[in-house]
Amino acid sequence: MLFEERTILVLKYQILLAVILLNVGCLSIKPVYYEHERNVAIKQVEKYHKLYNENKFGEIYEMFTIEQKQEKSEELVVSAIRQFYKKAGKVKNTKLIDSSVRNKLSHKIVNLSYQTEFENEKQIEKFVFFIQDEKVALGFYSQPKDASKD
């Protein structure tokens, strides 16, 4: 009797496993997208460009993380932005060319790259935002490449 019960139990598990495998094969598993966080960061880039065009460089400095503010003084950052503004001019238009969101235990990191046309040149701009509990801070900004030479 014990042998028959084990055989029946094994058959039940095999059937259950087959049903699970068939269902998994039929499921459409979607990767996790952080569309909300991405959109929040995109809005921050729009704010950055608006403040930049209005020469409100001190307000741009306020967008940075506490860590960035501890590393670089407001005077240094505002001076660098002002020098770039004199060289490049106002933002005419931008196009998002790449984005990614990474999930960390306590926050999300959003990377955005833009092809940006200024009055006097084109640049690839990179933004890194940290989002935690709906608080957004700019962790990194750069123009690593002059895109007008492409």
Foldseek 3Di string as FASTA:
>chain_A
DVVVVVVVVVVVVVVVVVVVVVVVVVDDDDDDDPVVVQVVVVVVVVVLLVCLLVLVLLVVVVQADPVVCVVDPSVRRSVVSVVVCVQFPHWPDKDWDDWDWDDDPFWIKIWTWIFIHGPHFTFIKIWIWIAGPNRIGTHDIDGPDGPRVD
